[in-house]
Protein backbone atom coordinates (compact mmCIF):
# COMPACT_ATOMS: atom_id res chain seq x y z
CA MET A 1 0.00 0.00 0.00
CA ALA A 2 1.40 3.40 -0.94
CA ASP A 3 1.74 5.99 1.77
CA SER A 4 -0.97 8.53 1.17
CA ASN A 5 0.41 10.81 3.82
CA GLY A 6 4.03 11.10 2.63
CA ASP A 7 5.67 8.98 5.33
CA ARG A 8 9.42 8.64 5.00
CA ILE A 9 12.37 7.13 6.83
CA TYR A 10 15.68 8.96 6.51
CA ILE A 11 19.19 7.66 6.99
CA ARG A 12 21.37 10.76 6.87
CA ARG A 13 25.09 11.13 6.17
CA LEU A 14 25.92 7.43 6.35
CA HIS A 15 29.71 7.26 6.09
CA ALA A 16 31.57 4.42 4.41
CA ARG A 17 34.91 3.79 2.75
CA CYS A 18 35.40 1.92 -0.51
CA ILE A 19 37.31 1.67 -3.74
CA ILE A 20 35.40 3.93 -6.12
CA GLY A 21 36.45 5.74 -9.27
CA ILE A 22 37.63 5.32 -12.83
CA PHE A 23 41.22 6.53 -12.51
CA PRO A 24 44.12 4.25 -11.48
CA GLU A 25 44.91 6.38 -8.43
CA GLU A 26 41.31 5.87 -7.23
CA ARG A 27 41.60 2.08 -7.47
CA THR A 28 44.33 1.59 -4.84
CA GLU A 29 43.04 3.08 -1.59
CA LYS A 30 39.59 3.31 -0.09
CA GLN A 31 37.88 6.68 -0.27
CA ASP A 32 35.15 8.27 1.79
CA VAL A 33 31.57 8.31 0.54
CA PHE A 34 28.50 9.65 2.31
CA LEU A 35 24.94 8.53 1.67
CA ASP A 36 21.55 10.02 2.36
CA ILE A 37 18.78 7.46 1.99
CA THR A 38 15.08 8.25 1.99
CA MET A 39 12.65 5.34 2.06
CA HIS A 40 8.99 6.07 1.34
CA ALA A 41 6.70 3.69 3.23
CA ASP A 42 3.39 3.72 5.05
CA LEU A 43 4.34 4.05 8.73
CA ARG A 44 0.86 4.16 10.24
CA ASP A 45 0.88 0.56 11.50
CA ALA A 46 4.21 1.13 13.29
CA GLY A 47 2.94 4.38 14.77
CA ALA A 48 -0.09 2.59 16.16
CA SER A 49 1.60 -0.61 17.38
CA ASP A 50 5.04 0.66 18.46
CA ALA A 51 6.45 -2.63 17.11
CA ILE A 52 9.58 -3.00 14.97
CA GLU A 53 7.81 -5.71 12.96
CA ASP A 54 5.44 -3.06 11.61
CA THR A 55 8.08 -0.77 10.14
CA VAL A 56 11.11 -0.86 7.88
CA ASP A 57 14.08 -2.14 9.88
CA TYR A 58 16.44 0.72 9.13
CA LYS A 59 19.23 -0.86 11.19
CA ARG A 60 19.14 -3.86 8.84
CA VAL A 61 19.17 -1.53 5.84
CA LYS A 62 22.16 0.36 7.23
CA LYS A 63 24.11 -2.84 7.92
CA GLU A 64 23.44 -4.27 4.45
CA VAL A 65 24.30 -1.00 2.71
CA LEU A 66 27.56 -0.65 4.65
CA ALA A 67 28.54 -4.27 3.94
CA MET A 68 27.81 -3.82 0.23
CA ILE A 69 29.75 -0.54 0.00
CA GLU A 70 32.78 -1.68 1.96
CA ALA A 71 33.13 -4.81 -0.20
CA SER A 72 32.48 -2.99 -3.49
CA GLU A 73 34.92 -1.77 -6.09
CA TYR A 74 32.55 0.10 -8.39
CA PHE A 75 33.76 2.60 -10.92
CA LEU A 76 30.76 4.94 -10.61
CA ILE A 77 28.85 6.40 -7.68
CA GLU A 78 25.75 5.92 -9.85
CA ARG A 79 26.21 2.14 -9.53
CA LEU A 80 26.64 2.45 -5.77
CA ALA A 81 23.38 4.42 -5.58
CA GLU A 82 21.50 1.77 -7.62
CA GLN A 83 22.74 -1.06 -5.42
CA THR A 84 21.71 0.88 -2.32
CA ALA A 85 18.19 1.32 -3.69
CA ALA A 86 17.98 -2.42 -4.40
CA ILE A 87 18.79 -3.18 -0.76
CA CYS A 88 16.04 -0.84 0.41
CA PHE A 89 13.48 -2.59 -1.79
CA LYS A 90 14.09 -5.89 0.02
CA ASP A 91 11.43 -4.66 2.44
CA SER A 92 8.06 -4.84 0.70
CA ARG A 93 6.80 -1.77 2.59
CA VAL A 94 9.26 0.48 0.74
CA HIS A 95 7.65 1.73 -2.45
CA ARG A 96 10.04 4.56 -3.36
CA VAL A 97 13.68 5.24 -2.55
CA GLU A 98 15.84 8.31 -2.91
CA VAL A 99 19.60 7.90 -2.60
CA VAL A 100 22.26 10.59 -2.61
CA VAL A 101 25.86 9.42 -2.84
CA ASP A 102 28.41 12.12 -2.07
CA LYS A 103 32.10 11.65 -2.90
CA PRO A 104 34.23 14.36 -1.28
CA GLY A 105 37.30 15.54 -3.14
CA ALA A 106 36.31 13.90 -6.43
CA LEU A 107 36.91 17.10 -8.40
CA ARG A 108 39.67 19.61 -7.93
CA PHE A 109 38.27 22.95 -6.68
CA ALA A 110 34.95 21.34 -5.69
CA GLN A 111 34.04 20.17 -2.20
CA SER A 112 32.42 17.03 -3.58
CA VAL A 113 30.51 15.36 -6.39
CA ALA A 114 27.16 13.74 -5.71
CA VAL A 115 24.41 11.86 -7.53
CA HIS A 116 20.78 11.78 -6.47
CA ILE A 117 18.55 9.01 -7.77
CA VAL A 118 14.84 8.38 -7.24
CA ARG A 119 13.51 4.88 -7.85
CA ASP A 120 10.04 3.42 -7.56
CA ARG A 121 9.62 -0.17 -6.44
CA PRO A 122 10.25 -2.51 -9.36
CA LYS A 123 7.42 -4.90 -10.10
CA ASP A 124 9.81 -7.84 -9.71
CA ALA A 125 11.39 -6.66 -6.41
CA PRO A 126 11.70 -9.46 -3.85
CA GLU A 127 9.25 -9.45 -0.94
CA ALA A 128 10.60 -9.45 2.60
């Protein structure tokens, strides 16, 4: 069921380190990345019951995202964002995900480079 009231769960400024980048110098040492994750889900049942079983387990999401990132060696932050969204959709309550991946120091004279993706639940997403 879609959230008619705009319910969201935020994971803000999640910090991880990974091999990321297309240049040889980026492929030797882990770099910092920061993620902002927004999961759209109907949270009314959890608000009424006060039970973890009735909401998205954001601790599980965080652990899976960190494990994926720390083991990854992607070339693009776009790929990292897509894989993060896929993890969020493992919970059937999540019907939309927004992911921002921020890579500090990626460009000279810029504080960081970031991508922001918005994905709706794929029809073939696994149910949790």
